[in-house]
Each structure stands twice: as structure tokens, then as C-alpha cells.
Amino acid sequence: MKSLMPDTILLALGAVLGATLPQSQAQAGIVLDEATFGDFSDDRMAPTVVTLDSGMNVIAGFSGQSLVPEMHDLDYVRFTVPAGHVLTRLLVQDAFVGGAFSFVGMQTGPVVTIPWDWSNVNSPLLGWAHFGSSSIGSDLLPTMAGSPGSVGFVTPLEAGTYTLWIMELDNSQVSSYRFGVDVVRIPGPSGAWLAAALARRPRRRAV
């Protein structure tokens, strides 16, 4: 069905909504930390699963050096942004990486279709970015939205299921990361309409 709103209006709506929704200050109830949870999944087809709450959710873990010699510690985390909410930021709260930077990719849906060595690409990522200690305090979503070779997107991201792929190629030491995943409830009685409009807007394919 064709959208009832022109694409330009939908894109403007996303920009305005992203700028006007309140940024979360309080810590949300979900904190997924490898230090207490245990090793996140190394299997891109069976990621560690978490459902996010309103507020600043935390996903923190380790990558790089693995317990298995000559193998990388890969982290795949599947999260769900609940209905009536949007994802506004992927904030680098902390990072220690072995090389100059580490990698984070995101794909829509419950799995990542690309092997860690990029031996084949069944479908492109929604977006990706590099991050390191210089990225602390930065929101990665704008970079991911326009990353080369990705599907691309307009922020904020609507409710749904997404999978993160975190990787550090330097496996000579343990690297660490801490992301703040900011989930905001769409306020007011028009929240359902806004959520539907966001879902109908076109995906922007990066060039």
C-alpha cells in the first residue's frame, strides 16, 4: 500500500522526532554485561537475546582475544525495541581496543547474515561503524546510518528486532566496550500514529 504521506514528509518527521524526543537521563532496567552475564554468543545465527526497556540500556562486553587460540572473540547480541518506542542513540560510554578501532555492525532481524571474515554477503548490513577510545561520548547511529555498502536508515529507528555484531580483529589482547542504547517511548495519544508513520517511511540505501 502506498504511504498516505509523501516520502519527504516522512523523512522530515524522522528528523524532527529525533531532535525533539527527550533524551533519556535515567538508567533503564536492562543492563547486559558480559562480566556478570557470561560470554555473549559467538554464533551469528544464534545471538544473545535481550529485550530493552525505556531509558538508557547498557550492553557491555569483551572482544578480541578468545579462549580458543588463533580465534577471535565475536559478540552477537539481538535486541528488541518494544512497540511504542524508538531507538534514538547508540552511545559509546567506554571503549578499550587493541588496534586503532573496533567494529560494530547492525542488521535488521534476529541474525547476522555475513560471516565474520566477510567470505560472503547474503544481504547488506543495516549500518556499521568503527569505534575506539576517541569515540567515548559519541553517538554511533548517524555514522552507521550512512555507512558505505549498507542499507542505510533514518533515525530514530522504529520498534523491532535488530542484531549487533561487535568484533576486534587484533586478538593479541582483550578489548572491551560499553554501549548505551537509548530507547525512548513515543509520548502522547499520537504515539501509535507516529510509530506507524516511522515504520512506513522508506529505507535509505547508502551509496
Protein backbone atom coordinates (compact mmCIF):
# COMPACT_ATOMS: atom_id res chain seq x y z
CA MET A 1 0.00 0.00 0.00
CA LYS A 2 1.35 3.43 -0.87
CA SER A 3 2.08 5.68 2.10
CA LEU A 4 -0.54 8.34 2.82
CA MET A 5 2.29 10.81 3.40
CA PRO A 6 4.91 11.94 0.84
CA ASP A 7 8.38 10.50 1.38
CA THR A 8 9.79 13.97 2.04
CA ILE A 9 7.33 14.49 4.90
CA LEU A 10 8.14 11.10 6.39
CA LEU A 11 11.87 11.83 6.27
CA ALA A 12 11.31 15.24 7.85
CA LEU A 13 9.16 13.60 10.53
CA GLY A 14 12.02 11.27 11.43
CA ALA A 15 14.44 14.17 11.71
CA VAL A 16 12.09 16.31 13.78
CA LEU A 17 11.07 13.45 16.03
CA GLY A 18 14.69 12.50 16.64
CA ALA A 19 15.51 16.08 17.59
CA THR A 20 12.50 16.65 19.84
CA LEU A 21 12.09 13.40 21.73
CA PRO A 22 13.55 13.72 25.24
CA GLN A 23 16.98 12.14 25.69
CA SER A 24 16.98 9.54 28.47
CA GLN A 25 18.79 10.54 31.63
CA ALA A 26 17.71 7.73 33.97
CA GLN A 27 19.28 4.29 33.74
CA ALA A 28 16.89 1.73 32.28
CA GLY A 29 16.26 -1.63 33.89
CA ILE A 30 18.22 -3.62 31.32
CA VAL A 31 21.98 -3.88 31.77
CA LEU A 32 23.56 -6.71 29.78
CA ASP A 33 27.16 -7.06 30.93
CA GLU A 34 29.43 -9.94 29.96
CA ALA A 35 31.27 -9.58 33.25
CA THR A 36 28.20 -10.88 35.09
CA PHE A 37 26.08 -12.43 32.30
CA GLY A 38 28.82 -14.59 30.80
CA ASP A 39 30.27 -14.67 27.31
CA PHE A 40 27.98 -13.31 24.61
CA SER A 41 27.22 -15.62 21.71
CA ASP A 42 29.91 -16.19 19.07
CA ASP A 43 27.26 -17.62 16.74
CA ARG A 44 25.81 -15.06 14.32
CA MET A 45 22.81 -17.33 13.74
CA ALA A 46 22.02 -17.62 17.47
CA PRO A 47 22.82 -14.26 19.13
CA THR A 48 22.46 -13.47 22.82
CA VAL A 49 18.93 -12.06 23.26
CA VAL A 50 17.74 -9.05 25.27
CA THR A 51 14.52 -7.00 25.24
CA LEU A 52 15.17 -3.35 26.01
CA ASP A 53 13.26 -1.02 28.34
CA SER A 54 12.63 2.70 28.16
CA GLY A 55 15.73 4.67 29.04
CA MET A 56 19.45 4.16 28.63
CA ASN A 57 20.06 0.42 28.36
CA VAL A 58 23.64 -0.82 28.65
CA ILE A 59 25.31 -3.53 26.57
CA ALA A 60 28.89 -4.12 27.73
CA GLY A 61 31.30 -6.85 26.74
CA PHE A 62 34.69 -8.00 25.56
CA SER A 63 36.12 -8.82 22.15
CA GLY A 64 39.48 -9.53 20.55
CA GLN A 65 41.35 -12.25 22.37
CA SER A 66 39.49 -15.54 22.69
CA LEU A 67 39.88 -18.53 24.98
CA VAL A 68 40.46 -20.54 21.80
CA PRO A 69 43.95 -19.90 20.33
CA GLU A 70 44.00 -18.09 16.97
CA MET A 71 40.28 -17.40 17.19
CA HIS A 72 38.51 -14.06 17.61
CA ASP A 73 36.05 -13.40 20.42
CA LEU A 74 32.97 -12.37 18.44
CA ASP A 75 29.90 -10.89 20.11
CA TYR A 76 26.42 -11.13 18.61
CA VAL A 77 23.57 -9.53 20.58
CA ARG A 78 19.95 -9.47 19.43
CA PHE A 79 17.76 -6.81 20.98
CA THR A 80 14.15 -5.74 20.62
CA VAL A 81 12.93 -2.16 20.74
CA PRO A 82 9.40 -2.54 22.17
CA ALA A 83 6.25 -1.30 20.45
CA GLY A 84 5.51 2.36 21.10
CA HIS A 85 9.22 3.16 21.44
CA VAL A 86 12.09 4.27 19.19
CA LEU A 87 15.86 3.86 19.34
CA THR A 88 17.45 7.32 19.39
CA ARG A 89 21.15 6.74 20.21
CA LEU A 90 23.89 4.12 20.32
CA LEU A 91 26.25 5.88 22.69
CA VAL A 92 29.86 4.77 23.25
CA GLN A 93 30.12 5.00 27.03
CA ASP A 94 33.52 3.32 27.24
CA ALA A 95 35.93 1.52 24.93
CA PHE A 96 39.36 -0.09 25.11
CA VAL A 97 40.52 -1.64 21.85
CA GLY A 98 43.66 -3.48 20.84
CA GLY A 99 44.04 -1.85 17.45
CA ALA A 100 43.19 1.65 16.30
CA PHE A 101 39.48 0.86 16.39
CA SER A 102 36.93 -1.92 16.73
CA PHE A 103 33.90 -2.73 14.56
CA VAL A 104 30.19 -2.73 15.28
CA GLY A 105 27.58 -3.66 12.70
CA MET A 106 23.80 -3.85 12.93
CA GLN A 107 21.33 -5.85 10.89
CA THR A 108 17.55 -5.84 10.94
CA GLY A 109 16.13 -9.12 12.21
CA PRO A 110 17.24 -11.95 14.51
CA VAL A 111 20.57 -12.94 12.86
CA VAL A 112 23.62 -11.55 11.06
CA THR A 113 23.87 -12.98 7.55
CA ILE A 114 27.53 -12.05 6.98
CA PRO A 115 30.36 -14.28 8.30
CA TRP A 116 32.96 -12.50 10.42
CA ASP A 117 35.57 -12.87 7.64
CA TRP A 118 33.16 -11.44 5.00
CA SER A 119 33.62 -14.60 2.88
CA ASN A 120 30.11 -13.99 1.54
CA VAL A 121 27.47 -11.30 1.89
CA ASN A 122 23.95 -12.70 1.69
CA SER A 123 22.42 -9.32 2.46
CA PRO A 124 23.95 -5.99 3.48
CA LEU A 125 24.10 -4.66 7.00
CA LEU A 126 21.64 -2.01 8.09
CA GLY A 127 24.68 0.02 9.12
CA TRP A 128 28.15 -0.20 10.67
CA ALA A 129 30.81 1.94 12.33
CA HIS A 130 34.32 1.84 13.77
CA PHE A 131 34.85 2.94 17.36
CA GLY A 132 37.67 3.33 19.86
CA SER A 133 38.68 5.34 22.90
CA SER A 134 38.33 8.55 20.88
CA SER A 135 34.66 7.67 20.32
CA ILE A 136 33.73 7.77 24.02
CA GLY A 137 30.73 10.05 24.41
CA SER A 138 29.79 9.80 20.73
CA ASP A 139 26.54 8.55 19.21
CA LEU A 140 27.33 5.96 16.52
CA LEU A 141 23.86 5.90 14.92
CA PRO A 142 24.46 8.81 12.48
CA THR A 143 27.69 7.20 11.24
CA MET A 144 26.04 3.80 10.91
CA ALA A 145 23.08 5.32 9.05
CA GLY A 146 25.31 6.50 6.20
CA SER A 147 27.99 3.80 6.21
CA PRO A 148 29.27 2.69 2.76
CA GLY A 149 27.74 -0.51 1.38
CA SER A 150 24.99 -0.66 3.99
CA VAL A 151 21.21 -0.43 3.58
CA GLY A 152 21.19 2.88 5.46
CA PHE A 153 18.42 4.29 7.62
CA VAL A 154 16.92 7.44 9.08
CA THR A 155 16.95 7.96 12.83
CA PRO A 156 15.24 7.32 15.14
CA LEU A 157 14.88 3.60 14.48
CA GLU A 158 11.37 2.24 14.93
CA ALA A 159 10.32 -0.62 17.17
CA GLY A 160 11.52 -4.03 16.04
CA THR A 161 14.29 -6.59 16.30
CA TYR A 162 17.91 -5.78 15.49
CA THR A 163 21.18 -7.69 15.88
CA LEU A 164 24.54 -6.16 16.81
CA TRP A 165 27.84 -7.66 15.64
CA ILE A 166 30.86 -6.47 17.67
CA MET A 167 34.37 -7.52 16.64
CA GLU A 168 38.04 -6.65 17.19
CA LEU A 169 40.50 -8.16 14.70
CA ASP A 170 43.51 -7.74 16.99
CA ASN A 171 43.27 -10.89 19.13
CA SER A 172 46.57 -10.36 20.96
CA GLN A 173 44.71 -8.88 23.93
CA VAL A 174 41.23 -8.44 25.34
CA SER A 175 39.31 -5.39 24.17
CA SER A 176 36.21 -4.01 25.86
CA TYR A 177 33.22 -1.86 25.01
CA ARG A 178 30.22 -0.34 26.74
CA PHE A 179 27.29 0.92 24.66
CA GLY A 180 24.35 2.96 25.90
CA VAL A 181 21.29 2.00 23.85
CA ASP A 182 18.83 4.85 24.31
CA VAL A 183 15.20 3.77 23.94
CA VAL A 184 12.51 6.45 24.17
CA ARG A 185 8.76 5.98 24.48
CA ILE A 186 6.76 7.87 21.86
CA PRO A 187 4.76 10.27 24.04
CA GLY A 188 1.13 11.26 23.92
CA PRO A 189 -2.01 9.83 22.32
CA SER A 190 -0.47 10.26 18.85
CA GLY A 191 2.28 7.77 19.68
CA ALA A 192 0.68 4.93 17.72
CA TRP A 193 0.26 7.14 14.64
CA LEU A 194 3.87 8.32 14.84
CA ALA A 195 5.11 4.75 15.22
CA ALA A 196 3.12 3.70 12.15
CA ALA A 197 4.46 6.65 10.14
CA LEU A 198 8.05 5.80 11.09
CA ALA A 199 7.51 2.19 10.07
CA ARG A 200 6.15 3.25 6.65
CA ARG A 201 8.99 5.59 5.72
CA PRO A 202 11.43 4.33 3.09
CA ARG A 203 14.83 2.86 3.92
CA ARG A 204 17.65 5.00 2.58
CA ARG A 205 20.28 2.99 0.74
CA ALA A 206 23.77 4.30 1.29
CA VAL A 207 25.93 4.97 -1.76
